[in-house]
Structure formats: structure tokens, C-alpha cells
Amino acid sequence: MTSLADAAAEILARSGMTKSALCAKAKVSRTSLDAYLKGTTQPTIAQIERLAAAAGLVPQISFVERPKPVSEQFLAVLEFGDLFPREPKGPLVNLGPVWRAAREHTREE
């Protein structure tokens, strides 16, 4: 879950109730619930607790470490790598005969 608005959507889905029934039981306005579900506003933790209680659920909060930012230099290297094809465009040239001929040519001199 990434936001409290996502939590409201999960509560509604897991409740098995209609929006109106959940709102009436939680004493949260239907307009507010619709705004949470659209992502136009974020519910408060108290509103999430009321919605969860009305649905017979208990909210659980967990914390994870924030990802470390990626340096601009690393991003530049990745973008530079995208300029090169992942596979060769055609078969590799066999340079063996060329090297042999060059070696023989230098021996003759």
C-alpha cells in the first residue's frame, strides 16, 4: 500500500459492503470516500480507523527504509548504455584469415 487513499480502497474492497453502507456505518461522508478513492484528497488516519472498524478490520502500519537516491552519474551511465544495441546487428567478421595473411606477409619481408 502506498497511500492512505489506497488503504480506503482496500477497506472498501475487503468489506464486501457498498460505499453508502460503509460510509453510514463509519460515519464518513460518501463525498469524502469518493474523493479518497479518486485520489483527490487523502483521508486522515482517524478516518481510516473508522472505515476499517466499520468493515471489521484493524489497520496495521509498517515502516520500511526509504530507498537511497541514485546519483546523476549512475543515471548518465545507464542512459549512455542504452545507445548501444544489446545484440550485434549482424554476424561477427572472422578476422582469422586476415591475421594469418598479415603474419605471413611480415615473415616474407
N, C-alpha and C. Protein backbone atom coordinates (compact mmCIF):
# COMPACT_ATOMS: atom_id res chain seq x y z
N MET A 1 0.84 -1.17 0.00
CA MET A 1 0.00 0.00 0.00
C MET A 1 0.89 1.24 0.00
N THR A 2 0.54 2.19 -0.82
CA THR A 2 1.41 3.36 -0.93
C THR A 2 0.83 4.62 -0.32
N SER A 3 -0.48 4.65 -0.08
CA SER A 3 -1.06 5.87 0.49
C SER A 3 -2.29 5.52 1.31
N LEU A 4 -2.76 6.51 2.07
CA LEU A 4 -3.98 6.29 2.84
C LEU A 4 -5.19 6.17 1.91
N ALA A 5 -5.13 6.80 0.74
CA ALA A 5 -6.21 6.65 -0.24
C ALA A 5 -6.28 5.20 -0.73
N ASP A 6 -5.11 4.57 -0.91
CA ASP A 6 -5.09 3.16 -1.28
C ASP A 6 -5.67 2.30 -0.15
N ALA A 7 -5.43 2.72 1.08
CA ALA A 7 -5.98 1.98 2.23
C ALA A 7 -7.50 2.04 2.22
N ALA A 8 -8.06 3.19 1.88
CA ALA A 8 -9.52 3.32 1.81
C ALA A 8 -10.09 2.39 0.75
N ALA A 9 -9.43 2.29 -0.39
CA ALA A 9 -9.89 1.41 -1.47
C ALA A 9 -9.82 -0.05 -1.02
N GLU A 10 -8.75 -0.41 -0.31
CA GLU A 10 -8.63 -1.78 0.16
C GLU A 10 -9.70 -2.10 1.20
N ILE A 11 -9.98 -1.17 2.09
CA ILE A 11 -11.02 -1.38 3.10
C ILE A 11 -12.36 -1.62 2.43
N LEU A 12 -12.69 -0.78 1.45
CA LEU A 12 -13.96 -0.94 0.73
C LEU A 12 -14.03 -2.30 0.05
N ALA A 13 -12.96 -2.69 -0.62
CA ALA A 13 -12.95 -3.97 -1.33
C ALA A 13 -13.08 -5.15 -0.37
N ARG A 14 -12.38 -5.08 0.74
CA ARG A 14 -12.41 -6.20 1.69
C ARG A 14 -13.67 -6.23 2.53
N SER A 15 -14.38 -5.11 2.63
CA SER A 15 -15.58 -5.05 3.46
C SER A 15 -16.74 -5.83 2.86
N GLY A 16 -16.80 -5.87 1.52
CA GLY A 16 -17.93 -6.51 0.86
C GLY A 16 -19.19 -5.66 0.94
N MET A 17 -19.05 -4.42 1.38
CA MET A 17 -20.18 -3.52 1.55
C MET A 17 -20.24 -2.54 0.38
N THR A 18 -21.38 -1.91 0.22
CA THR A 18 -21.48 -0.82 -0.75
C THR A 18 -20.81 0.41 -0.14
N LYS A 19 -20.50 1.37 -0.97
CA LYS A 19 -19.90 2.61 -0.47
C LYS A 19 -20.83 3.28 0.54
N SER A 20 -22.11 3.33 0.21
CA SER A 20 -23.07 4.01 1.10
C SER A 20 -23.15 3.31 2.45
N ALA A 21 -23.18 1.98 2.44
CA ALA A 21 -23.29 1.23 3.70
C ALA A 21 -22.04 1.42 4.55
N LEU A 22 -20.88 1.36 3.92
CA LEU A 22 -19.64 1.54 4.66
C LEU A 22 -19.57 2.95 5.26
N CYS A 23 -19.94 3.95 4.47
CA CYS A 23 -19.90 5.34 4.94
C CYS A 23 -20.87 5.55 6.11
N ALA A 24 -22.06 4.98 5.99
CA ALA A 24 -23.05 5.15 7.06
C ALA A 24 -22.55 4.52 8.36
N LYS A 25 -21.99 3.32 8.25
CA LYS A 25 -21.51 2.62 9.45
C LYS A 25 -20.29 3.31 10.05
N ALA A 26 -19.42 3.88 9.20
CA ALA A 26 -18.19 4.53 9.67
C ALA A 26 -18.39 5.99 10.02
N LYS A 27 -19.56 6.55 9.67
CA LYS A 27 -19.83 7.97 9.88
C LYS A 27 -18.81 8.84 9.13
N VAL A 28 -18.57 8.44 7.87
CA VAL A 28 -17.72 9.19 6.94
C VAL A 28 -18.61 9.53 5.76
N SER A 29 -18.55 10.77 5.28
CA SER A 29 -19.45 11.14 4.19
C SER A 29 -19.09 10.39 2.90
N ARG A 30 -20.11 10.15 2.11
CA ARG A 30 -19.91 9.46 0.83
C ARG A 30 -19.04 10.31 -0.09
N THR A 31 -19.20 11.63 -0.02
CA THR A 31 -18.38 12.53 -0.83
C THR A 31 -16.91 12.39 -0.46
N SER A 32 -16.63 12.27 0.83
CA SER A 32 -15.24 12.11 1.28
C SER A 32 -14.66 10.79 0.78
N LEU A 33 -15.43 9.71 0.91
CA LEU A 33 -14.94 8.40 0.45
C LEU A 33 -14.66 8.43 -1.06
N ASP A 34 -15.56 9.03 -1.82
CA ASP A 34 -15.34 9.13 -3.27
C ASP A 34 -14.07 9.91 -3.58
N ALA A 35 -13.82 10.97 -2.83
CA ALA A 35 -12.61 11.77 -3.04
C ALA A 35 -11.36 10.97 -2.71
N TYR A 36 -11.43 10.13 -1.65
CA TYR A 36 -10.29 9.28 -1.30
C TYR A 36 -10.01 8.28 -2.42
N LEU A 37 -11.09 7.67 -2.91
CA LEU A 37 -10.93 6.65 -3.94
C LEU A 37 -10.42 7.23 -5.26
N LYS A 38 -10.78 8.47 -5.56
CA LYS A 38 -10.29 9.13 -6.78
C LYS A 38 -8.87 9.64 -6.60
N GLY A 39 -8.43 9.76 -5.34
CA GLY A 39 -7.10 10.26 -5.06
C GLY A 39 -7.01 11.78 -5.04
N THR A 40 -8.16 12.44 -5.00
CA THR A 40 -8.14 13.90 -4.97
C THR A 40 -7.84 14.44 -3.57
N THR A 41 -8.18 13.65 -2.54
CA THR A 41 -7.82 14.02 -1.17
C THR A 41 -7.33 12.77 -0.44
N GLN A 42 -6.59 13.00 0.63
CA GLN A 42 -6.08 11.91 1.46
C GLN A 42 -6.90 11.86 2.75
N PRO A 43 -7.34 10.66 3.15
CA PRO A 43 -8.04 10.56 4.43
C PRO A 43 -7.06 10.71 5.59
N THR A 44 -7.59 11.08 6.73
CA THR A 44 -6.76 11.12 7.93
C THR A 44 -6.66 9.70 8.48
N ILE A 45 -5.73 9.50 9.37
CA ILE A 45 -5.60 8.18 9.98
C ILE A 45 -6.85 7.85 10.79
N ALA A 46 -7.45 8.85 11.41
CA ALA A 46 -8.69 8.62 12.18
C ALA A 46 -9.81 8.15 11.26
N GLN A 47 -9.91 8.73 10.06
CA GLN A 47 -10.95 8.31 9.12
C GLN A 47 -10.69 6.88 8.63
N ILE A 48 -9.43 6.53 8.40
CA ILE A 48 -9.09 5.17 8.01
C ILE A 48 -9.45 4.20 9.13
N GLU A 49 -9.18 4.59 10.37
CA GLU A 49 -9.52 3.73 11.50
C GLU A 49 -11.02 3.51 11.59
N ARG A 50 -11.82 4.58 11.36
CA ARG A 50 -13.28 4.43 11.40
C ARG A 50 -13.77 3.54 10.27
N LEU A 51 -13.25 3.73 9.06
CA LEU A 51 -13.64 2.88 7.93
C LEU A 51 -13.27 1.42 8.18
N ALA A 52 -12.07 1.21 8.70
CA ALA A 52 -11.62 -0.15 8.97
C ALA A 52 -12.49 -0.80 10.03
N ALA A 53 -12.79 -0.08 11.10
CA ALA A 53 -13.62 -0.63 12.17
C ALA A 53 -15.01 -0.99 11.64
N ALA A 54 -15.56 -0.14 10.78
CA ALA A 54 -16.88 -0.41 10.21
C ALA A 54 -16.86 -1.65 9.33
N ALA A 55 -15.72 -1.95 8.74
CA ALA A 55 -15.58 -3.13 7.87
C ALA A 55 -15.12 -4.36 8.65
N GLY A 56 -14.91 -4.20 9.96
CA GLY A 56 -14.44 -5.32 10.77
C GLY A 56 -12.96 -5.59 10.60
N LEU A 57 -12.22 -4.56 10.28
CA LEU A 57 -10.78 -4.69 10.06
C LEU A 57 -10.01 -3.84 11.06
N VAL A 58 -8.76 -4.17 11.25
CA VAL A 58 -7.87 -3.38 12.10
C VAL A 58 -6.71 -2.92 11.24
N PRO A 59 -6.46 -1.62 11.15
CA PRO A 59 -5.33 -1.16 10.34
C PRO A 59 -4.00 -1.58 10.97
N GLN A 60 -3.06 -1.87 10.12
CA GLN A 60 -1.72 -2.23 10.57
C GLN A 60 -0.74 -1.36 9.80
N ILE A 61 0.12 -0.66 10.53
CA ILE A 61 1.08 0.25 9.90
C ILE A 61 2.46 -0.36 10.02
N SER A 62 3.22 -0.30 8.93
CA SER A 62 4.60 -0.76 8.98
C SER A 62 5.49 0.29 8.33
N PHE A 63 6.74 0.25 8.67
CA PHE A 63 7.70 1.20 8.15
C PHE A 63 8.82 0.46 7.45
N VAL A 64 9.25 0.99 6.34
CA VAL A 64 10.39 0.43 5.61
C VAL A 64 11.37 1.57 5.35
N GLU A 65 12.62 1.20 5.12
CA GLU A 65 13.62 2.22 4.85
C GLU A 65 13.34 2.87 3.51
N ARG A 66 13.56 4.16 3.46
CA ARG A 66 13.41 4.91 2.22
C ARG A 66 14.54 4.50 1.28
N PRO A 67 14.23 4.27 0.00
CA PRO A 67 15.31 3.92 -0.93
C PRO A 67 16.32 5.05 -1.04
N LYS A 68 17.58 4.66 -1.18
CA LYS A 68 18.63 5.67 -1.32
C LYS A 68 18.56 6.27 -2.72
N PRO A 69 18.79 7.57 -2.82
CA PRO A 69 18.73 8.20 -4.15
C PRO A 69 19.87 7.70 -5.03
N VAL A 70 19.59 7.65 -6.32
CA VAL A 70 20.58 7.22 -7.30
C VAL A 70 21.30 8.47 -7.81
N SER A 71 22.61 8.37 -7.92
CA SER A 71 23.39 9.54 -8.35
C SER A 71 23.14 9.86 -9.81
N GLU A 72 23.34 11.12 -10.15
CA GLU A 72 23.18 11.57 -11.53
C GLU A 72 24.18 10.89 -12.45
N GLN A 73 25.39 10.63 -11.93
CA GLN A 73 26.41 9.97 -12.74
C GLN A 73 25.97 8.55 -13.11
N PHE A 74 25.38 7.84 -12.16
CA PHE A 74 24.92 6.48 -12.43
C PHE A 74 23.82 6.49 -13.48
N LEU A 75 22.90 7.43 -13.38
CA LEU A 75 21.85 7.55 -14.38
C LEU A 75 22.42 7.86 -15.76
N ALA A 76 23.46 8.69 -15.79
CA ALA A 76 24.10 9.03 -17.07
C ALA A 76 24.73 7.80 -17.70
N VAL A 77 25.34 6.95 -16.88
CA VAL A 77 25.95 5.72 -17.40
C VAL A 77 24.86 4.80 -17.97
N LEU A 78 23.75 4.67 -17.27
CA LEU A 78 22.65 3.84 -17.77
C LEU A 78 22.10 4.37 -19.08
N GLU A 79 21.92 5.68 -19.17
CA GLU A 79 21.42 6.27 -20.40
C GLU A 79 22.42 6.10 -21.54
N PHE A 80 23.71 6.20 -21.24
CA PHE A 80 24.74 6.02 -22.25
C PHE A 80 24.70 4.58 -22.77
N GLY A 81 24.49 3.62 -21.87
CA GLY A 81 24.43 2.22 -22.27
C GLY A 81 23.26 1.92 -23.19
N ASP A 82 22.19 2.68 -23.09
CA ASP A 82 21.03 2.48 -23.97
C ASP A 82 21.33 2.84 -25.42
N LEU A 83 22.43 3.57 -25.64
CA LEU A 83 22.78 3.95 -27.01
C LEU A 83 23.32 2.77 -27.82
N PHE A 84 23.76 1.73 -27.12
CA PHE A 84 24.37 0.60 -27.80
C PHE A 84 23.39 -0.57 -27.86
N PRO A 85 23.35 -1.27 -29.01
CA PRO A 85 22.44 -2.41 -29.12
C PRO A 85 22.86 -3.54 -28.19
N ARG A 86 21.88 -4.28 -27.72
CA ARG A 86 22.16 -5.40 -26.83
C ARG A 86 22.74 -6.59 -27.58
N GLU A 87 22.42 -6.70 -28.84
CA GLU A 87 22.93 -7.80 -29.66
C GLU A 87 23.59 -7.20 -30.90
N PRO A 88 24.61 -7.88 -31.42
CA PRO A 88 25.22 -7.35 -32.64
C PRO A 88 24.21 -7.31 -33.77
N LYS A 89 24.37 -6.34 -34.66
CA LYS A 89 23.42 -6.19 -35.76
C LYS A 89 23.58 -7.28 -36.80
N GLY A 90 24.74 -7.83 -36.96
CA GLY A 90 24.97 -8.88 -37.94
C GLY A 90 25.99 -9.86 -37.41
N PRO A 91 26.33 -10.86 -38.22
CA PRO A 91 27.32 -11.82 -37.73
C PRO A 91 28.68 -11.16 -37.58
N LEU A 92 29.45 -11.65 -36.63
CA LEU A 92 30.79 -11.12 -36.41
C LEU A 92 31.69 -11.56 -37.56
N VAL A 93 32.59 -10.70 -37.94
CA VAL A 93 33.50 -10.98 -39.04
C VAL A 93 34.64 -11.86 -38.53
N ASN A 94 34.94 -12.92 -39.28
CA ASN A 94 36.05 -13.80 -38.93
C ASN A 94 37.34 -13.16 -39.44
N LEU A 95 38.15 -12.65 -38.56
CA LEU A 95 39.39 -11.97 -38.94
C LEU A 95 40.59 -12.92 -38.96
N GLY A 96 40.36 -14.19 -38.67
CA GLY A 96 41.46 -15.17 -38.64
C GLY A 96 42.26 -15.19 -39.93
N PRO A 97 41.63 -15.33 -41.11
CA PRO A 97 42.40 -15.35 -42.36
C PRO A 97 43.19 -14.06 -42.59
N VAL A 98 42.63 -12.93 -42.19
CA VAL A 98 43.32 -11.65 -42.37
C VAL A 98 44.58 -11.61 -41.51
N TRP A 99 44.46 -12.06 -40.25
CA TRP A 99 45.62 -12.06 -39.36
C TRP A 99 46.69 -13.02 -39.87
N ARG A 100 46.27 -14.19 -40.34
CA ARG A 100 47.24 -15.16 -40.88
C ARG A 100 47.98 -14.57 -42.07
N ALA A 101 47.24 -13.94 -42.98
CA ALA A 101 47.86 -13.35 -44.16
C ALA A 101 48.83 -12.24 -43.76
N ALA A 102 48.46 -11.44 -42.79
CA ALA A 102 49.32 -10.36 -42.33
C ALA A 102 50.59 -10.94 -41.70
N ARG A 103 50.45 -12.01 -40.92
CA ARG A 103 51.61 -12.64 -40.29
C ARG A 103 52.55 -13.20 -41.36
N GLU A 104 51.99 -13.88 -42.34
CA GLU A 104 52.81 -14.45 -43.41
C GLU A 104 53.49 -13.34 -44.21
N HIS A 105 52.79 -12.26 -44.42
CA HIS A 105 53.36 -11.14 -45.17
C HIS A 105 54.54 -10.54 -44.43
N THR A 106 54.46 -10.41 -43.12
CA THR A 106 55.56 -9.84 -42.34
C THR A 106 56.73 -10.82 -42.28
N ARG A 107 56.50 -12.13 -42.33
CA ARG A 107 57.59 -13.11 -42.33
C ARG A 107 58.39 -13.07 -43.62
N GLU A 108 57.68 -12.78 -44.71
CA GLU A 108 58.34 -12.75 -46.01
C GLU A 108 59.27 -11.57 -46.12
N GLU A 109 59.02 -10.50 -45.39
CA GLU A 109 59.85 -9.29 -45.51
C GLU A 109 61.08 -9.42 -44.75
